[in-house]
Amino acid sequence: MKTLSLRGIDDELADALKKKAQRTGTSINRTVLNLIRKSIGLDKKKLTRVYHDLDELAGTWSENDEREFETKTQFFHKIDEEIWS
């Protein structure tokens, strides 16, 4: 493994790197390496994030809720022929 020294890191950049490292629970060194890898396309992680903030809502509709939703959104299926002709 190689070692690389970076010069010219101002206080603003140093603070931002430190905060990012704290948010991600990694060292500043690991944070910098991750940022470099990602910026030059070597990051092997998926670019799609998976969110779980709405998981508790999944599967909570009753059949009646579904019918009501379908009834109230039926107009979205209508095609305005004069626009698409």
PDB file of N, CA and C in Angstrom:
ATOM      1  N   MET A   1       0.819  -1.176   0.000  1.00  0.00           N
ATOM      2  CA  MET A   1       0.000   0.000   0.000  1.00  0.00           C
ATOM      3  C   MET A   1       0.865   1.243   0.000  1.00  0.00           C
ATOM      4  N   LYS A   2       0.428   2.224  -0.717  1.00  0.00           N
ATOM      5  CA  LYS A   2       1.154   3.493  -0.829  1.00  0.00           C
ATOM      6  C   LYS A   2       0.679   4.472   0.222  1.00  0.00           C
ATOM      7  N   THR A   3       1.521   5.425   0.498  1.00  0.00           N
ATOM      8  CA  THR A   3       1.187   6.519   1.396  1.00  0.00           C
ATOM      9  C   THR A   3       1.208   7.802   0.596  1.00  0.00           C
ATOM     10  N   LEU A   4       0.232   8.643   0.832  1.00  0.00           N
ATOM     11  CA  LEU A   4       0.123   9.900   0.112  1.00  0.00           C
ATOM     12  C   LEU A   4      -0.066  11.009   1.132  1.00  0.00           C
ATOM     13  N   SER A   5       0.693  12.076   0.995  1.00  0.00           N
ATOM     14  CA  SER A   5       0.539  13.239   1.871  1.00  0.00           C
ATOM     15  C   SER A   5      -0.184  14.328   1.101  1.00  0.00           C
ATOM     16  N   LEU A   6      -1.110  14.966   1.764  1.00  0.00           N
ATOM     17  CA  LEU A   6      -1.837  16.083   1.149  1.00  0.00           C
ATOM     18  C   LEU A   6      -1.446  17.365   1.852  1.00  0.00           C
ATOM     19  N   ARG A   7      -1.108  18.370   1.079  1.00  0.00           N
ATOM     20  CA  ARG A   7      -0.776  19.681   1.635  1.00  0.00           C
ATOM     21  C   ARG A   7      -1.853  20.670   1.190  1.00  0.00           C
ATOM     22  N   GLY A   8      -1.971  21.741   1.906  1.00  0.00           N
ATOM     23  CA  GLY A   8      -2.887  22.806   1.506  1.00  0.00           C
ATOM     24  C   GLY A   8      -4.321  22.584   1.979  1.00  0.00           C
ATOM     25  N   ILE A   9      -4.506  21.767   2.987  1.00  0.00           N
ATOM     26  CA  ILE A   9      -5.848  21.550   3.526  1.00  0.00           C
ATOM     27  C   ILE A   9      -6.162  22.702   4.479  1.00  0.00           C
ATOM     28  N   ASP A  10      -7.117  23.534   4.067  1.00  0.00           N
ATOM     29  CA  ASP A  10      -7.464  24.682   4.909  1.00  0.00           C
ATOM     30  C   ASP A  10      -8.392  24.246   6.049  1.00  0.00           C
ATOM     31  N   ASP A  11      -8.639  25.160   6.962  1.00  0.00           N
ATOM     32  CA  ASP A  11      -9.456  24.847   8.135  1.00  0.00           C
ATOM     33  C   ASP A  11     -10.875  24.417   7.761  1.00  0.00           C
ATOM     34  N   GLU A  12     -11.443  25.080   6.767  1.00  0.00           N
ATOM     35  CA  GLU A  12     -12.807  24.748   6.352  1.00  0.00           C
ATOM     36  C   GLU A  12     -12.902  23.300   5.869  1.00  0.00           C
ATOM     37  N   LEU A  13     -11.947  22.901   5.013  1.00  0.00           N
ATOM     38  CA  LEU A  13     -11.925  21.535   4.503  1.00  0.00           C
ATOM     39  C   LEU A  13     -11.652  20.540   5.627  1.00  0.00           C
ATOM     40  N   ALA A  14     -10.710  20.843   6.492  1.00  0.00           N
ATOM     41  CA  ALA A  14     -10.393  19.958   7.614  1.00  0.00           C
ATOM     42  C   ALA A  14     -11.599  19.751   8.520  1.00  0.00           C
ATOM     43  N   ASP A  15     -12.321  20.833   8.805  1.00  0.00           N
ATOM     44  CA  ASP A  15     -13.523  20.732   9.645  1.00  0.00           C
ATOM     45  C   ASP A  15     -14.598  19.898   8.967  1.00  0.00           C
ATOM     46  N   ALA A  16     -14.792  20.121   7.665  1.00  0.00           N
ATOM     47  CA  ALA A  16     -15.809  19.359   6.924  1.00  0.00           C
ATOM     48  C   ALA A  16     -15.467  17.878   6.894  1.00  0.00           C
ATOM     49  N   LEU A  17     -14.203  17.547   6.703  1.00  0.00           N
ATOM     50  CA  LEU A  17     -13.781  16.138   6.700  1.00  0.00           C
ATOM     51  C   LEU A  17     -13.984  15.504   8.075  1.00  0.00           C
ATOM     52  N   LYS A  18     -13.655  16.256   9.111  1.00  0.00           N
ATOM     53  CA  LYS A  18     -13.818  15.753  10.466  1.00  0.00           C
ATOM     54  C   LYS A  18     -15.287  15.489  10.777  1.00  0.00           C
ATOM     55  N   LYS A  19     -16.163  16.415  10.377  1.00  0.00           N
ATOM     56  CA  LYS A  19     -17.598  16.249  10.621  1.00  0.00           C
ATOM     57  C   LYS A  19     -18.155  15.065   9.843  1.00  0.00           C
ATOM     58  N   LYS A  20     -17.724  14.910   8.603  1.00  0.00           N
ATOM     59  CA  LYS A  20     -18.191  13.779   7.795  1.00  0.00           C
ATOM     60  C   LYS A  20     -17.724  12.469   8.413  1.00  0.00           C
ATOM     61  N   ALA A  21     -16.490  12.436   8.871  1.00  0.00           N
ATOM     62  CA  ALA A  21     -15.957  11.230   9.514  1.00  0.00           C
ATOM     63  C   ALA A  21     -16.768  10.887  10.771  1.00  0.00           C
ATOM     64  N   GLN A  22     -17.124  11.883  11.540  1.00  0.00           N
ATOM     65  CA  GLN A  22     -17.925  11.656  12.746  1.00  0.00           C
ATOM     66  C   GLN A  22     -19.316  11.145  12.387  1.00  0.00           C
ATOM     67  N   ARG A  23     -19.927  11.735  11.335  1.00  0.00           N
ATOM     68  CA  ARG A  23     -21.265  11.305  10.914  1.00  0.00           C
ATOM     69  C   ARG A  23     -21.273   9.856  10.440  1.00  0.00           C
ATOM     70  N   THR A  24     -20.233   9.454   9.760  1.00  0.00           N
ATOM     71  CA  THR A  24     -20.178   8.108   9.203  1.00  0.00           C
ATOM     72  C   THR A  24     -19.521   7.107  10.141  1.00  0.00           C
ATOM     73  N   GLY A  25     -18.977   7.596  11.246  1.00  0.00           N
ATOM     74  CA  GLY A  25     -18.350   6.703  12.212  1.00  0.00           C
ATOM     75  C   GLY A  25     -17.053   6.091  11.708  1.00  0.00           C
ATOM     76  N   THR A  26     -16.342   6.835  10.877  1.00  0.00           N
ATOM     77  CA  THR A  26     -15.068   6.349  10.340  1.00  0.00           C
ATOM     78  C   THR A  26     -13.961   7.342  10.673  1.00  0.00           C
ATOM     79  N   SER A  27     -12.745   6.907  10.451  1.00  0.00           N
ATOM     80  CA  SER A  27     -11.613   7.815  10.663  1.00  0.00           C
ATOM     81  C   SER A  27     -11.570   8.839   9.534  1.00  0.00           C
ATOM     82  N   ILE A  28     -10.839   9.910   9.772  1.00  0.00           N
ATOM     83  CA  ILE A  28     -10.673  10.918   8.722  1.00  0.00           C
ATOM     84  C   ILE A  28      -9.954  10.298   7.529  1.00  0.00           C
ATOM     85  N   ASN A  29      -8.970   9.470   7.789  1.00  0.00           N
ATOM     86  CA  ASN A  29      -8.238   8.815   6.706  1.00  0.00           C
ATOM     87  C   ASN A  29      -9.185   7.970   5.844  1.00  0.00           C
ATOM     88  N   ARG A  30     -10.013   7.137   6.480  1.00  0.00           N
ATOM     89  CA  ARG A  30     -10.965   6.283   5.748  1.00  0.00           C
ATOM     90  C   ARG A  30     -11.963   7.154   4.987  1.00  0.00           C
ATOM     91  N   THR A  31     -12.398   8.239   5.593  1.00  0.00           N
ATOM     92  CA  THR A  31     -13.339   9.154   4.945  1.00  0.00           C
ATOM     93  C   THR A  31     -12.731   9.729   3.678  1.00  0.00           C
ATOM     94  N   VAL A  32     -11.485  10.200   3.759  1.00  0.00           N
ATOM     95  CA  VAL A  32     -10.814  10.755   2.582  1.00  0.00           C
ATOM     96  C   VAL A  32     -10.660   9.694   1.503  1.00  0.00           C
ATOM     97  N   LEU A  33     -10.248   8.481   1.898  1.00  0.00           N
ATOM     98  CA  LEU A  33     -10.105   7.401   0.917  1.00  0.00           C
ATOM     99  C   LEU A  33     -11.438   7.084   0.239  1.00  0.00           C
ATOM    100  N   ASN A  34     -12.506   7.014   1.025  1.00  0.00           N
ATOM    101  CA  ASN A  34     -13.827   6.739   0.450  1.00  0.00           C
ATOM    102  C   ASN A  34     -14.249   7.828  -0.525  1.00  0.00           C
ATOM    103  N   LEU A  35     -14.010   9.087  -0.158  1.00  0.00           N
ATOM    104  CA  LEU A  35     -14.367  10.200  -1.034  1.00  0.00           C
ATOM    105  C   LEU A  35     -13.570  10.170  -2.339  1.00  0.00           C
ATOM    106  N   ILE A  36     -12.298   9.867  -2.248  1.00  0.00           N
ATOM    107  CA  ILE A  36     -11.460   9.786  -3.455  1.00  0.00           C
ATOM    108  C   ILE A  36     -11.935   8.647  -4.348  1.00  0.00           C
ATOM    109  N   ARG A  37     -12.146   7.462  -3.767  1.00  0.00           N
ATOM    110  CA  ARG A  37     -12.598   6.304  -4.547  1.00  0.00           C
ATOM    111  C   ARG A  37     -13.917   6.604  -5.250  1.00  0.00           C
ATOM    112  N   LYS A  38     -14.837   7.202  -4.522  1.00  0.00           N
ATOM    113  CA  LYS A  38     -16.149   7.508  -5.103  1.00  0.00           C
ATOM    114  C   LYS A  38     -16.023   8.535  -6.232  1.00  0.00           C
ATOM    115  N   SER A  39     -15.215   9.560  -6.018  1.00  0.00           N
ATOM    116  CA  SER A  39     -15.122  10.645  -7.003  1.00  0.00           C
ATOM    117  C   SER A  39     -14.466  10.204  -8.308  1.00  0.00           C
ATOM    118  N   ILE A  40     -13.622   9.166  -8.271  1.00  0.00           N
ATOM    119  CA  ILE A  40     -12.974   8.712  -9.507  1.00  0.00           C
ATOM    120  C   ILE A  40     -13.572   7.409 -10.035  1.00  0.00           C
ATOM    121  N   GLY A  41     -14.697   6.999  -9.440  1.00  0.00           N
ATOM    122  CA  GLY A  41     -15.436   5.862  -9.970  1.00  0.00           C
ATOM    123  C   GLY A  41     -14.954   4.502  -9.524  1.00  0.00           C
ATOM    124  N   LEU A  42     -14.209   4.431  -8.448  1.00  0.00           N
ATOM    125  CA  LEU A  42     -13.733   3.141  -7.959  1.00  0.00           C
ATOM    126  C   LEU A  42     -14.580   2.589  -6.820  1.00  0.00           C
ATOM    127  N   ASP A  43     -15.591   3.319  -6.442  1.00  0.00           N
ATOM    128  CA  ASP A  43     -16.462   2.885  -5.352  1.00  0.00           C
ATOM    129  C   ASP A  43     -17.300   1.707  -5.822  1.00  0.00           C
ATOM    130  N   LYS A  44     -17.241   0.613  -5.135  1.00  0.00           N
ATOM    131  CA  LYS A  44     -17.957  -0.600  -5.524  1.00  0.00           C
ATOM    132  C   LYS A  44     -19.375  -0.653  -4.969  1.00  0.00           C
ATOM    133  N   LYS A  45     -19.733   0.306  -4.132  1.00  0.00           N
ATOM    134  CA  LYS A  45     -21.063   0.308  -3.538  1.00  0.00           C
ATOM    135  C   LYS A  45     -22.107   0.680  -4.582  1.00  0.00           C
ATOM    136  N   LYS A  46     -23.343   0.213  -4.340  1.00  0.00           N
ATOM    137  CA  LYS A  46     -24.452   0.586  -5.202  1.00  0.00           C
ATOM    138  C   LYS A  46     -24.691   2.087  -5.071  1.00  0.00           C
ATOM    139  N   LEU A  47     -25.113   2.691  -6.153  1.00  0.00           N
ATOM    140  CA  LEU A  47     -25.429   4.116  -6.114  1.00  0.00           C
ATOM    141  C   LEU A  47     -26.840   4.350  -5.593  1.00  0.00           C
ATOM    142  N   THR A  48     -27.639   3.296  -5.528  1.00  0.00           N
ATOM    143  CA  THR A  48     -29.006   3.412  -5.052  1.00  0.00           C
ATOM    144  C   THR A  48     -29.046   3.231  -3.542  1.00  0.00           C
ATOM    145  N   ARG A  49     -29.673   4.147  -2.877  1.00  0.00           N
ATOM    146  CA  ARG A  49     -29.827   4.039  -1.433  1.00  0.00           C
ATOM    147  C   ARG A  49     -31.150   3.360  -1.123  1.00  0.00           C
ATOM    148  N   VAL A  50     -31.166   2.575  -0.084  1.00  0.00           N
ATOM    149  CA  VAL A  50     -32.396   1.937   0.371  1.00  0.00           C
ATOM    150  C   VAL A  50     -32.828   2.656   1.643  1.00  0.00           C
ATOM    151  N   TYR A  51     -34.035   3.168   1.612  1.00  0.00           N
ATOM    152  CA  TYR A  51     -34.571   3.872   2.759  1.00  0.00           C
ATOM    153  C   TYR A  51     -35.610   2.991   3.457  1.00  0.00           C
ATOM    154  N   HIS A  52     -35.678   3.115   4.755  1.00  0.00           N
ATOM    155  CA  HIS A  52     -36.628   2.327   5.525  1.00  0.00           C
ATOM    156  C   HIS A  52     -37.588   3.208   6.330  1.00  0.00           C
ATOM    157  N   ASP A  53     -37.644   4.498   6.013  1.00  0.00           N
ATOM    158  CA  ASP A  53     -38.444   5.411   6.818  1.00  0.00           C
ATOM    159  C   ASP A  53     -39.950   5.226   6.634  1.00  0.00           C
ATOM    160  N   LEU A  54     -40.384   4.522   5.596  1.00  0.00           N
ATOM    161  CA  LEU A  54     -41.811   4.302   5.383  1.00  0.00           C
ATOM    162  C   LEU A  54     -42.196   2.829   5.553  1.00  0.00           C
ATOM    163  N   ASP A  55     -41.286   2.016   6.039  1.00  0.00           N
ATOM    164  CA  ASP A  55     -41.535   0.583   6.186  1.00  0.00           C
ATOM    165  C   ASP A  55     -42.761   0.286   7.038  1.00  0.00           C
ATOM    166  N   GLU A  56     -42.973   1.080   8.072  1.00  0.00           N
ATOM    167  CA  GLU A  56     -44.093   0.803   8.976  1.00  0.00           C
ATOM    168  C   GLU A  56     -45.447   0.985   8.294  1.00  0.00           C
ATOM    169  N   LEU A  57     -45.470   1.697   7.154  1.00  0.00           N
ATOM    170  CA  LEU A  57     -46.728   1.904   6.434  1.00  0.00           C
ATOM    171  C   LEU A  57     -47.034   0.781   5.447  1.00  0.00           C
ATOM    172  N   ALA A  58     -46.034   0.017   5.061  1.00  0.00           N
ATOM    173  CA  ALA A  58     -46.224  -1.041   4.061  1.00  0.00           C
ATOM    174  C   ALA A  58     -47.181  -2.095   4.596  1.00  0.00           C
ATOM    175  N   GLY A  59     -48.161  -2.422   3.765  1.00  0.00           N
ATOM    176  CA  GLY A  59     -49.098  -3.474   4.125  1.00  0.00           C
ATOM    177  C   GLY A  59     -50.153  -3.075   5.132  1.00  0.00           C
ATOM    178  N   THR A  60     -50.377  -1.787   5.342  1.00  0.00           N
ATOM    179  CA  THR A  60     -51.326  -1.357   6.369  1.00  0.00           C
ATOM    180  C   THR A  60     -52.700  -1.009   5.812  1.00  0.00           C
ATOM    181  N   TRP A  61     -52.842  -0.979   4.477  1.00  0.00           N
ATOM    182  CA  TRP A  61     -54.148  -0.644   3.903  1.00  0.00           C
ATOM    183  C   TRP A  61     -55.090  -1.837   3.969  1.00  0.00           C
ATOM    184  N   SER A  62     -56.341  -1.532   4.247  1.00  0.00           N
ATOM    185  CA  SER A  62     -57.369  -2.564   4.175  1.00  0.00           C
ATOM    186  C   SER A  62     -57.856  -2.630   2.724  1.00  0.00           C
ATOM    187  N   GLU A  63     -58.671  -3.632   2.414  1.00  0.00           N
ATOM    188  CA  GLU A  63     -59.236  -3.725   1.056  1.00  0.00           C
ATOM    189  C   GLU A  63     -60.092  -2.506   0.762  1.00  0.00           C
ATOM    190  N   ASN A  64     -60.787  -2.010   1.765  1.00  0.00           N
ATOM    191  CA  ASN A  64     -61.614  -0.817   1.600  1.00  0.00           C
ATOM    192  C   ASN A  64     -60.749   0.402   1.273  1.00  0.00           C
ATOM    193  N   ASP A  65     -59.597   0.544   1.966  1.00  0.00           N
ATOM    194  CA  ASP A  65     -58.675   1.650   1.692  1.00  0.00           C
ATOM    195  C   ASP A  65     -58.196   1.589   0.239  1.00  0.00           C
ATOM    196  N   GLU A  66     -57.877   0.386  -0.209  1.00  0.00           N
ATOM    197  CA  GLU A  66     -57.390   0.220  -1.580  1.00  0.00           C
ATOM    198  C   GLU A  66     -58.466   0.589  -2.596  1.00  0.00           C
ATOM    199  N   ARG A  67     -59.703   0.125  -2.368  1.00  0.00           N
ATOM    200  CA  ARG A  67     -60.803   0.467  -3.288  1.00  0.00           C
ATOM    201  C   ARG A  67     -61.029   1.972  -3.330  1.00  0.00           C
ATOM    202  N   GLU A  68     -60.990   2.599  -2.161  1.00  0.00           N
ATOM    203  CA  GLU A  68     -61.197   4.050  -2.093  1.00  0.00           C
ATOM    204  C   GLU A  68     -60.100   4.783  -2.858  1.00  0.00           C
ATOM    205  N   PHE A  69     -58.856   4.356  -2.684  1.00  0.00           N
ATOM    206  CA  PHE A  69     -57.737   4.956  -3.406  1.00  0.00           C
ATOM    207  C   PHE A  69     -57.917   4.800  -4.913  1.00  0.00           C
ATOM    208  N   GLU A  70     -58.243   3.597  -5.351  1.00  0.00           N
ATOM    209  CA  GLU A  70     -58.434   3.339  -6.785  1.00  0.00           C
ATOM    210  C   GLU A  70     -59.561   4.205  -7.349  1.00  0.00           C
ATOM    211  N   THR A  71     -60.635   4.337  -6.620  1.00  0.00           N
ATOM    212  CA  THR A  71     -61.766   5.163  -7.065  1.00  0.00           C
ATOM    213  C   THR A  71     -61.359   6.625  -7.209  1.00  0.00           C
ATOM    214  N   LYS A  72     -60.646   7.138  -6.226  1.00  0.00           N
ATOM    215  CA  LYS A  72     -60.277   8.554  -6.226  1.00  0.00           C
ATOM    216  C   LYS A  72     -59.144   8.890  -7.192  1.00  0.00           C
ATOM    217  N   THR A  73     -58.407   7.907  -7.652  1.00  0.00           N
ATOM    218  CA  THR A  73     -57.302   8.173  -8.588  1.00  0.00           C
ATOM    219  C   THR A  73     -57.603   7.666 -10.000  1.00  0.00           C
ATOM    220  N   GLN A  74     -58.810   7.258 -10.234  1.00  0.00           N
ATOM    221  CA  GLN A  74     -59.210   6.718 -11.538  1.00  0.00           C
ATOM    222  C   GLN A  74     -58.953   7.716 -12.675  1.00  0.00           C
ATOM    223  N   PHE A  75     -59.151   8.999 -12.417  1.00  0.00           N
ATOM    224  CA  PHE A  75     -58.984  10.004 -13.466  1.00  0.00           C
ATOM    225  C   PHE A  75     -57.549  10.075 -13.990  1.00  0.00           C
ATOM    226  N   PHE A  76     -56.569   9.554 -13.245  1.00  0.00           N
ATOM    227  CA  PHE A  76     -55.188   9.548 -13.725  1.00  0.00           C
ATOM    228  C   PHE A  76     -55.017   8.615 -14.928  1.00  0.00           C
ATOM    229  N   HIS A  77     -55.930   7.685 -15.102  1.00  0.00           N
ATOM    230  CA  HIS A  77     -55.840   6.717 -16.202  1.00  0.00           C
ATOM    231  C   HIS A  77     -56.414   7.280 -17.506  1.00  0.00           C
ATOM    232  N   LYS A  78     -57.112   8.398 -17.419  1.00  0.00           N
ATOM    233  CA  LYS A  78     -57.734   8.995 -18.593  1.00  0.00           C
ATOM    234  C   LYS A  78     -56.667   9.649 -19.475  1.00  0.00           C
ATOM    235  N   ILE A  79     -56.727   9.355 -20.750  1.00  0.00           N
ATOM    236  CA  ILE A  79     -55.787   9.944 -21.707  1.00  0.00           C
ATOM    237  C   ILE A  79     -56.498  11.066 -22.451  1.00  0.00           C
ATOM    238  N   ASP A  80     -55.876  12.227 -22.490  1.00  0.00           N
ATOM    239  CA  ASP A  80     -56.425  13.376 -23.198  1.00  0.00           C
ATOM    240  C   ASP A  80     -56.022  13.229 -24.669  1.00  0.00           C
ATOM    241  N   GLU A  81     -56.934  12.678 -25.460  1.00  0.00           N
ATOM    242  CA  GLU A  81     -56.632  12.331 -26.856  1.00  0.00           C
ATOM    243  C   GLU A  81     -56.162  13.525 -27.692  1.00  0.00           C
ATOM    244  N   GLU A  82     -56.741  14.712 -27.456  1.00  0.00           N
ATOM    245  CA  GLU A  82     -56.352  15.859 -28.287  1.00  0.00           C
ATOM    246  C   GLU A  82     -54.922  16.286 -28.067  1.00  0.00           C
ATOM    247  N   ILE A  83     -54.355  15.998 -26.916  1.00  0.00           N
ATOM    248  CA  ILE A  83     -52.958  16.325 -26.646  1.00  0.00           C
ATOM    249  C   ILE A  83     -52.041  15.307 -27.310  1.00  0.00           C
ATOM    250  N   TRP A  84     -52.451  14.043 -27.367  1.00  0.00           N
ATOM    251  CA  TRP A  84     -51.587  12.954 -27.843  1.00  0.00           C
ATOM    252  C   TRP A  84     -51.864  12.580 -29.301  1.00  0.00           C
ATOM    253  N   SER A  85     -52.717  13.279 -29.969  1.00  0.00           N
ATOM    254  CA  SER A  85     -53.017  12.951 -31.376  1.00  0.00           C
ATOM    255  C   SER A  85     -52.015  13.569 -32.314  1.00  0.00           C
TER     256      SER A  85
END
